[in-house]
Amino acid sequence: STCAFLDTDRALVLLEEYCKKLRKPEEQQLKKAIRKVMGIFKSSLFQALLGSFTKKATRHGTISHPSLPAAVAYDVLGCPKD
């Protein structure tokens, strides 16, 4: 769904902004891990799985909007979800 892609884009922007702040030598391992997560978010397999998850969850009333990537980004960044 379009919403799923937009939400993934939002998560990628948040993670990219956070990565730019990681400059200390001891933060490079974290930066590497975040870049790996970003690569997963960009993969076509992840997008397909997210689309499938979103359709099923919406159909069953589990979620009203696809927020998985943003939730992961917020968890990484320690941000409030809303």
PDB file of N, CA and C in Angstrom:
ATOM      1  N   SER A   1       0.831  -1.192   0.000  1.00  0.00           N
ATOM      2  CA  SER A   1       0.000   0.000   0.000  1.00  0.00           C
ATOM      3  C   SER A   1       0.870   1.248   0.000  1.00  0.00           C
ATOM      4  N   THR A   2       0.351   2.326  -0.513  1.00  0.00           N
ATOM      5  CA  THR A   2       1.088   3.581  -0.570  1.00  0.00           C
ATOM      6  C   THR A   2       1.460   4.056   0.821  1.00  0.00           C
ATOM      7  N   CYS A   3       0.553   3.903   1.783  1.00  0.00           N
ATOM      8  CA  CYS A   3       0.829   4.331   3.152  1.00  0.00           C
ATOM      9  C   CYS A   3       2.041   3.612   3.718  1.00  0.00           C
ATOM     10  N   ALA A   4       2.158   2.321   3.424  1.00  0.00           N
ATOM     11  CA  ALA A   4       3.291   1.547   3.932  1.00  0.00           C
ATOM     12  C   ALA A   4       4.600   2.111   3.398  1.00  0.00           C
ATOM     13  N   PHE A   5       4.621   2.476   2.115  1.00  0.00           N
ATOM     14  CA  PHE A   5       5.845   3.022   1.531  1.00  0.00           C
ATOM     15  C   PHE A   5       6.166   4.391   2.130  1.00  0.00           C
ATOM     16  N   LEU A   6       5.151   5.228   2.314  1.00  0.00           N
ATOM     17  CA  LEU A   6       5.365   6.545   2.897  1.00  0.00           C
ATOM     18  C   LEU A   6       5.897   6.420   4.316  1.00  0.00           C
ATOM     19  N   ASP A   7       5.366   5.465   5.078  1.00  0.00           N
ATOM     20  CA  ASP A   7       5.794   5.270   6.441  1.00  0.00           C
ATOM     21  C   ASP A   7       7.246   4.784   6.490  1.00  0.00           C
ATOM     22  N   THR A   8       7.608   3.926   5.558  1.00  0.00           N
ATOM     23  CA  THR A   8       8.986   3.453   5.474  1.00  0.00           C
ATOM     24  C   THR A   8       9.907   4.614   5.135  1.00  0.00           C
ATOM     25  N   ASP A   9       9.482   5.458   4.223  1.00  0.00           N
ATOM     26  CA  ASP A   9      10.283   6.638   3.863  1.00  0.00           C
ATOM     27  C   ASP A   9      10.500   7.532   5.082  1.00  0.00           C
ATOM     28  N   ARG A  10       9.469   7.709   5.867  1.00  0.00           N
ATOM     29  CA  ARG A  10       9.569   8.532   7.076  1.00  0.00           C
ATOM     30  C   ARG A  10      10.583   7.933   8.052  1.00  0.00           C
ATOM     31  N   ALA A  11      10.522   6.617   8.218  1.00  0.00           N
ATOM     32  CA  ALA A  11      11.469   5.928   9.099  1.00  0.00           C
ATOM     33  C   ALA A  11      12.901   6.096   8.589  1.00  0.00           C
ATOM     34  N   LEU A  12      13.076   5.977   7.278  1.00  0.00           N
ATOM     35  CA  LEU A  12      14.415   6.122   6.693  1.00  0.00           C
ATOM     36  C   LEU A  12      14.975   7.522   6.905  1.00  0.00           C
ATOM     37  N   VAL A  13      14.118   8.532   6.786  1.00  0.00           N
ATOM     38  CA  VAL A  13      14.553   9.916   7.013  1.00  0.00           C
ATOM     39  C   VAL A  13      14.994  10.094   8.464  1.00  0.00           C
ATOM     40  N   LEU A  14      14.206   9.563   9.397  1.00  0.00           N
ATOM     41  CA  LEU A  14      14.547   9.659  10.821  1.00  0.00           C
ATOM     42  C   LEU A  14      15.880   8.977  11.121  1.00  0.00           C
ATOM     43  N   LEU A  15      16.052   7.780  10.564  1.00  0.00           N
ATOM     44  CA  LEU A  15      17.284   7.030  10.808  1.00  0.00           C
ATOM     45  C   LEU A  15      18.491   7.720  10.174  1.00  0.00           C
ATOM     46  N   GLU A  16      18.307   8.268   8.989  1.00  0.00           N
ATOM     47  CA  GLU A  16      19.398   8.978   8.298  1.00  0.00           C
ATOM     48  C   GLU A  16      19.839  10.199   9.107  1.00  0.00           C
ATOM     49  N   GLU A  17      18.863  10.944   9.605  1.00  0.00           N
ATOM     50  CA  GLU A  17      19.171  12.121  10.428  1.00  0.00           C
ATOM     51  C   GLU A  17      19.960  11.719  11.679  1.00  0.00           C
ATOM     52  N   TYR A  18      19.543  10.623  12.293  1.00  0.00           N
ATOM     53  CA  TYR A  18      20.217  10.140  13.489  1.00  0.00           C
ATOM     54  C   TYR A  18      21.653   9.710  13.176  1.00  0.00           C
ATOM     55  N   CYS A  19      21.825   9.025  12.048  1.00  0.00           N
ATOM     56  CA  CYS A  19      23.160   8.557  11.633  1.00  0.00           C
ATOM     57  C   CYS A  19      24.134   9.722  11.461  1.00  0.00           C
ATOM     58  N   LYS A  20      23.646  10.827  10.962  1.00  0.00           N
ATOM     59  CA  LYS A  20      24.506  12.000  10.738  1.00  0.00           C
ATOM     60  C   LYS A  20      25.093  12.526  12.041  1.00  0.00           C
ATOM     61  N   LYS A  21      24.400  12.258  13.155  1.00  0.00           N
ATOM     62  CA  LYS A  21      24.860  12.743  14.459  1.00  0.00           C
ATOM     63  C   LYS A  21      25.885  11.812  15.105  1.00  0.00           C
ATOM     64  N   LEU A  22      26.029  10.612  14.556  1.00  0.00           N
ATOM     65  CA  LEU A  22      26.943   9.625  15.135  1.00  0.00           C
ATOM     66  C   LEU A  22      28.340   9.805  14.552  1.00  0.00           C
ATOM     67  N   ARG A  23      29.169  10.544  15.254  1.00  0.00           N
ATOM     68  CA  ARG A  23      30.507  10.853  14.735  1.00  0.00           C
ATOM     69  C   ARG A  23      31.632  10.283  15.593  1.00  0.00           C
ATOM     70  N   LYS A  24      31.327   9.970  16.848  1.00  0.00           N
ATOM     71  CA  LYS A  24      32.360   9.471  17.763  1.00  0.00           C
ATOM     72  C   LYS A  24      32.776   8.056  17.365  1.00  0.00           C
ATOM     73  N   PRO A  25      34.036   7.698  17.600  1.00  0.00           N
ATOM     74  CA  PRO A  25      34.506   6.347  17.259  1.00  0.00           C
ATOM     75  C   PRO A  25      33.664   5.242  17.894  1.00  0.00           C
ATOM     76  N   GLU A  26      33.245   5.453  19.151  1.00  0.00           N
ATOM     77  CA  GLU A  26      32.467   4.410  19.836  1.00  0.00           C
ATOM     78  C   GLU A  26      31.031   4.297  19.299  1.00  0.00           C
ATOM     79  N   GLU A  27      30.616   5.242  18.466  1.00  0.00           N
ATOM     80  CA  GLU A  27      29.258   5.206  17.891  1.00  0.00           C
ATOM     81  C   GLU A  27      29.217   4.557  16.511  1.00  0.00           C
ATOM     82  N   GLN A  28      30.376   4.201  15.986  1.00  0.00           N
ATOM     83  CA  GLN A  28      30.421   3.686  14.615  1.00  0.00           C
ATOM     84  C   GLN A  28      29.763   2.313  14.469  1.00  0.00           C
ATOM     85  N   GLN A  29      29.833   1.494  15.524  1.00  0.00           N
ATOM     86  CA  GLN A  29      29.179   0.185  15.484  1.00  0.00           C
ATOM     87  C   GLN A  29      27.664   0.363  15.402  1.00  0.00           C
ATOM     88  N   LEU A  30      27.142   1.307  16.184  1.00  0.00           N
ATOM     89  CA  LEU A  30      25.709   1.614  16.150  1.00  0.00           C
ATOM     90  C   LEU A  30      25.311   2.146  14.778  1.00  0.00           C
ATOM     91  N   LYS A  31      26.142   3.022  14.233  1.00  0.00           N
ATOM     92  CA  LYS A  31      25.879   3.598  12.910  1.00  0.00           C
ATOM     93  C   LYS A  31      25.800   2.487  11.853  1.00  0.00           C
ATOM     94  N   LYS A  32      26.705   1.538  11.948  1.00  0.00           N
ATOM     95  CA  LYS A  32      26.735   0.403  11.012  1.00  0.00           C
ATOM     96  C   LYS A  32      25.443  -0.414  11.121  1.00  0.00           C
ATOM     97  N   ALA A  33      25.001  -0.659  12.361  1.00  0.00           N
ATOM     98  CA  ALA A  33      23.773  -1.430  12.589  1.00  0.00           C
ATOM     99  C   ALA A  33      22.557  -0.695  12.035  1.00  0.00           C
ATOM    100  N   ILE A  34      22.508   0.618  12.234  1.00  0.00           N
ATOM    101  CA  ILE A  34      21.379   1.416  11.733  1.00  0.00           C
ATOM    102  C   ILE A  34      21.360   1.397  10.210  1.00  0.00           C
ATOM    103  N   ARG A  35      22.538   1.503   9.602  1.00  0.00           N
ATOM    104  CA  ARG A  35      22.612   1.453   8.131  1.00  0.00           C
ATOM    105  C   ARG A  35      22.120   0.099   7.617  1.00  0.00           C
ATOM    106  N   LYS A  36      22.386  -0.959   8.377  1.00  0.00           N
ATOM    107  CA  LYS A  36      21.916  -2.293   7.990  1.00  0.00           C
ATOM    108  C   LYS A  36      20.387  -2.340   8.028  1.00  0.00           C
ATOM    109  N   VAL A  37      19.798  -1.759   9.083  1.00  0.00           N
ATOM    110  CA  VAL A  37      18.334  -1.696   9.195  1.00  0.00           C
ATOM    111  C   VAL A  37      17.758  -0.890   8.029  1.00  0.00           C
ATOM    112  N   MET A  38      18.423   0.215   7.683  1.00  0.00           N
ATOM    113  CA  MET A  38      17.959   1.044   6.564  1.00  0.00           C
ATOM    114  C   MET A  38      17.983   0.244   5.266  1.00  0.00           C
ATOM    115  N   GLY A  39      19.014  -0.560   5.080  1.00  0.00           N
ATOM    116  CA  GLY A  39      19.101  -1.402   3.889  1.00  0.00           C
ATOM    117  C   GLY A  39      17.954  -2.395   3.821  1.00  0.00           C
ATOM    118  N   ILE A  40      17.589  -2.936   4.972  1.00  0.00           N
ATOM    119  CA  ILE A  40      16.463  -3.878   5.037  1.00  0.00           C
ATOM    120  C   ILE A  40      15.165  -3.160   4.666  1.00  0.00           C
ATOM    121  N   PHE A  41      14.962  -1.956   5.231  1.00  0.00           N
ATOM    122  CA  PHE A  41      13.750  -1.189   4.919  1.00  0.00           C
ATOM    123  C   PHE A  41      13.637  -0.906   3.420  1.00  0.00           C
ATOM    124  N   LYS A  42      14.776  -0.718   2.751  1.00  0.00           N
ATOM    125  CA  LYS A  42      14.770  -0.387   1.324  1.00  0.00           C
ATOM    126  C   LYS A  42      14.589  -1.612   0.436  1.00  0.00           C
ATOM    127  N   SER A  43      14.767  -2.808   0.992  1.00  0.00           N
ATOM    128  CA  SER A  43      14.705  -4.023   0.177  1.00  0.00           C
ATOM    129  C   SER A  43      13.286  -4.305  -0.324  1.00  0.00           C
ATOM    130  N   SER A  44      13.218  -4.865  -1.511  1.00  0.00           N
ATOM    131  CA  SER A  44      11.912  -5.181  -2.099  1.00  0.00           C
ATOM    132  C   SER A  44      11.217  -6.281  -1.310  1.00  0.00           C
ATOM    133  N   LEU A  45      11.977  -7.207  -0.716  1.00  0.00           N
ATOM    134  CA  LEU A  45      11.373  -8.261   0.087  1.00  0.00           C
ATOM    135  C   LEU A  45      10.681  -7.666   1.313  1.00  0.00           C
ATOM    136  N   PHE A  46      11.353  -6.742   1.998  1.00  0.00           N
ATOM    137  CA  PHE A  46      10.750  -6.098   3.168  1.00  0.00           C
ATOM    138  C   PHE A  46       9.477  -5.361   2.765  1.00  0.00           C
ATOM    139  N   GLN A  47       9.534  -4.631   1.652  1.00  0.00           N
ATOM    140  CA  GLN A  47       8.357  -3.883   1.197  1.00  0.00           C
ATOM    141  C   GLN A  47       7.193  -4.825   0.896  1.00  0.00           C
ATOM    142  N   ALA A  48       7.502  -5.972   0.293  1.00  0.00           N
ATOM    143  CA  ALA A  48       6.455  -6.950  -0.013  1.00  0.00           C
ATOM    144  C   ALA A  48       5.866  -7.531   1.274  1.00  0.00           C
ATOM    145  N   LEU A  49       6.736  -7.876   2.226  1.00  0.00           N
ATOM    146  CA  LEU A  49       6.264  -8.409   3.503  1.00  0.00           C
ATOM    147  C   LEU A  49       5.443  -7.375   4.267  1.00  0.00           C
ATOM    148  N   LEU A  50       5.898  -6.136   4.260  1.00  0.00           N
ATOM    149  CA  LEU A  50       5.173  -5.066   4.946  1.00  0.00           C
ATOM    150  C   LEU A  50       3.800  -4.866   4.324  1.00  0.00           C
ATOM    151  N   GLY A  51       3.751  -4.880   2.998  1.00  0.00           N
ATOM    152  CA  GLY A  51       2.468  -4.744   2.299  1.00  0.00           C
ATOM    153  C   GLY A  51       1.517  -5.861   2.667  1.00  0.00           C
ATOM    154  N   SER A  52       2.027  -7.095   2.732  1.00  0.00           N
ATOM    155  CA  SER A  52       1.214  -8.255   3.090  1.00  0.00           C
ATOM    156  C   SER A  52       0.742  -8.154   4.537  1.00  0.00           C
ATOM    157  N   PHE A  53       1.663  -7.774   5.451  1.00  0.00           N
ATOM    158  CA  PHE A  53       1.330  -7.608   6.869  1.00  0.00           C
ATOM    159  C   PHE A  53       0.254  -6.542   7.042  1.00  0.00           C
ATOM    160  N   THR A  54       0.408  -5.443   6.329  1.00  0.00           N
ATOM    161  CA  THR A  54      -0.522  -4.327   6.436  1.00  0.00           C
ATOM    162  C   THR A  54      -1.916  -4.732   5.986  1.00  0.00           C
ATOM    163  N   LYS A  55      -1.996  -5.434   4.845  1.00  0.00           N
ATOM    164  CA  LYS A  55      -3.303  -5.867   4.329  1.00  0.00           C
ATOM    165  C   LYS A  55      -4.004  -6.786   5.322  1.00  0.00           C
ATOM    166  N   LYS A  56      -3.250  -7.773   5.850  1.00  0.00           N
ATOM    167  CA  LYS A  56      -3.840  -8.722   6.796  1.00  0.00           C
ATOM    168  C   LYS A  56      -4.262  -8.027   8.082  1.00  0.00           C
ATOM    169  N   ALA A  57      -3.395  -7.190   8.632  1.00  0.00           N
ATOM    170  CA  ALA A  57      -3.688  -6.520   9.900  1.00  0.00           C
ATOM    171  C   ALA A  57      -4.870  -5.569   9.763  1.00  0.00           C
ATOM    172  N   THR A  58      -4.923  -4.851   8.649  1.00  0.00           N
ATOM    173  CA  THR A  58      -6.023  -3.914   8.421  1.00  0.00           C
ATOM    174  C   THR A  58      -7.332  -4.681   8.258  1.00  0.00           C
ATOM    175  N   ARG A  59      -7.264  -5.806   7.522  1.00  0.00           N
ATOM    176  CA  ARG A  59      -8.453  -6.623   7.292  1.00  0.00           C
ATOM    177  C   ARG A  59      -8.994  -7.185   8.611  1.00  0.00           C
ATOM    178  N   HIS A  60      -8.088  -7.540   9.532  1.00  0.00           N
ATOM    179  CA  HIS A  60      -8.501  -8.108  10.817  1.00  0.00           C
ATOM    180  C   HIS A  60      -8.705  -7.041  11.886  1.00  0.00           C
ATOM    181  N   GLY A  61      -8.543  -5.780  11.510  1.00  0.00           N
ATOM    182  CA  GLY A  61      -8.760  -4.693  12.453  1.00  0.00           C
ATOM    183  C   GLY A  61      -7.664  -4.557  13.498  1.00  0.00           C
ATOM    184  N   THR A  62      -6.514  -5.184  13.253  1.00  0.00           N
ATOM    185  CA  THR A  62      -5.413  -5.139  14.221  1.00  0.00           C
ATOM    186  C   THR A  62      -4.784  -3.754  14.270  1.00  0.00           C
ATOM    187  N   ILE A  63      -4.595  -3.145  13.100  1.00  0.00           N
ATOM    188  CA  ILE A  63      -4.032  -1.795  13.047  1.00  0.00           C
ATOM    189  C   ILE A  63      -4.859  -0.956  12.097  1.00  0.00           C
ATOM    190  N   SER A  64      -4.878   0.331  12.337  1.00  0.00           N
ATOM    191  CA  SER A  64      -5.630   1.219  11.459  1.00  0.00           C
ATOM    192  C   SER A  64      -4.722   1.824  10.401  1.00  0.00           C
ATOM    193  N   HIS A  65      -3.389   1.791  10.648  1.00  0.00           N
ATOM    194  CA  HIS A  65      -2.437   2.295   9.661  1.00  0.00           C
ATOM    195  C   HIS A  65      -1.111   1.570   9.844  1.00  0.00           C
ATOM    196  N   PRO A  66      -0.341   1.418   8.764  1.00  0.00           N
ATOM    197  CA  PRO A  66       0.927   0.702   8.853  1.00  0.00           C
ATOM    198  C   PRO A  66       2.000   1.551   9.539  1.00  0.00           C
ATOM    199  N   SER A  67       2.405   1.150  10.729  1.00  0.00           N
ATOM    200  CA  SER A  67       3.362   1.969  11.462  1.00  0.00           C
ATOM    201  C   SER A  67       4.612   1.194  11.883  1.00  0.00           C
ATOM    202  N   LEU A  68       4.806  -0.001  11.342  1.00  0.00           N
ATOM    203  CA  LEU A  68       5.930  -0.833  11.755  1.00  0.00           C
ATOM    204  C   LEU A  68       7.299  -0.181  11.545  1.00  0.00           C
ATOM    205  N   PRO A  69       7.627   0.323  10.352  1.00  0.00           N
ATOM    206  CA  PRO A  69       8.950   0.935  10.177  1.00  0.00           C
ATOM    207  C   PRO A  69       9.177   2.144  11.083  1.00  0.00           C
ATOM    208  N   ALA A  70       8.180   2.996  11.196  1.00  0.00           N
ATOM    209  CA  ALA A  70       8.332   4.181  12.046  1.00  0.00           C
ATOM    210  C   ALA A  70       8.489   3.766  13.499  1.00  0.00           C
ATOM    211  N   ALA A  71       7.771   2.737  13.923  1.00  0.00           N
ATOM    212  CA  ALA A  71       7.884   2.257  15.303  1.00  0.00           C
ATOM    213  C   ALA A  71       9.303   1.761  15.579  1.00  0.00           C
ATOM    214  N   VAL A  72       9.872   1.031  14.614  1.00  0.00           N
ATOM    215  CA  VAL A  72      11.255   0.556  14.768  1.00  0.00           C
ATOM    216  C   VAL A  72      12.210   1.742  14.840  1.00  0.00           C
ATOM    217  N   ALA A  73      12.013   2.720  13.966  1.00  0.00           N
ATOM    218  CA  ALA A  73      12.882   3.908  13.959  1.00  0.00           C
ATOM    219  C   ALA A  73      12.773   4.651  15.284  1.00  0.00           C
ATOM    220  N   TYR A  74      11.559   4.808  15.785  1.00  0.00           N
ATOM    221  CA  TYR A  74      11.365   5.502  17.057  1.00  0.00           C
ATOM    222  C   TYR A  74      12.038   4.743  18.196  1.00  0.00           C
ATOM    223  N   ASP A  75      11.957   3.406  18.153  1.00  0.00           N
ATOM    224  CA  ASP A  75      12.597   2.598  19.196  1.00  0.00           C
ATOM    225  C   ASP A  75      14.110   2.790  19.156  1.00  0.00           C
ATOM    226  N   VAL A  76      14.679   2.789  17.962  1.00  0.00           N
ATOM    227  CA  VAL A  76      16.122   2.986  17.812  1.00  0.00           C
ATOM    228  C   VAL A  76      16.528   4.356  18.321  1.00  0.00           C
ATOM    229  N   LEU A  77      15.722   5.356  17.998  1.00  0.00           N
ATOM    230  CA  LEU A  77      16.053   6.730  18.343  1.00  0.00           C
ATOM    231  C   LEU A  77      15.611   7.124  19.753  1.00  0.00           C
ATOM    232  N   GLY A  78      14.816   6.269  20.388  1.00  0.00           N
ATOM    233  CA  GLY A  78      14.326   6.585  21.728  1.00  0.00           C
ATOM    234  C   GLY A  78      13.297   7.703  21.734  1.00  0.00           C
ATOM    235  N   CYS A  79      12.530   7.820  20.635  1.00  0.00           N
ATOM    236  CA  CYS A  79      11.531   8.889  20.506  1.00  0.00           C
ATOM    237  C   CYS A  79      10.164   8.372  20.945  1.00  0.00           C
ATOM    238  N   PRO A  80       9.298   9.284  21.410  1.00  0.00           N
ATOM    239  CA  PRO A  80       7.905   8.880  21.681  1.00  0.00           C
ATOM    240  C   PRO A  80       7.208   8.563  20.366  1.00  0.00           C
ATOM    241  N   LYS A  81       6.275   7.633  20.395  1.00  0.00           N
ATOM    242  CA  LYS A  81       5.625   7.196  19.166  1.00  0.00           C
ATOM    243  C   LYS A  81       4.588   8.185  18.657  1.00  0.00           C
ATOM    244  N   ASP A  82       4.014   9.008  19.530  1.00  0.00           N
ATOM    245  CA  ASP A  82       3.053  10.021  19.070  1.00  0.00           C
ATOM    246  C   ASP A  82       3.089  11.272  19.861  1.00  0.00           C
TER     247      ASP A  82
END
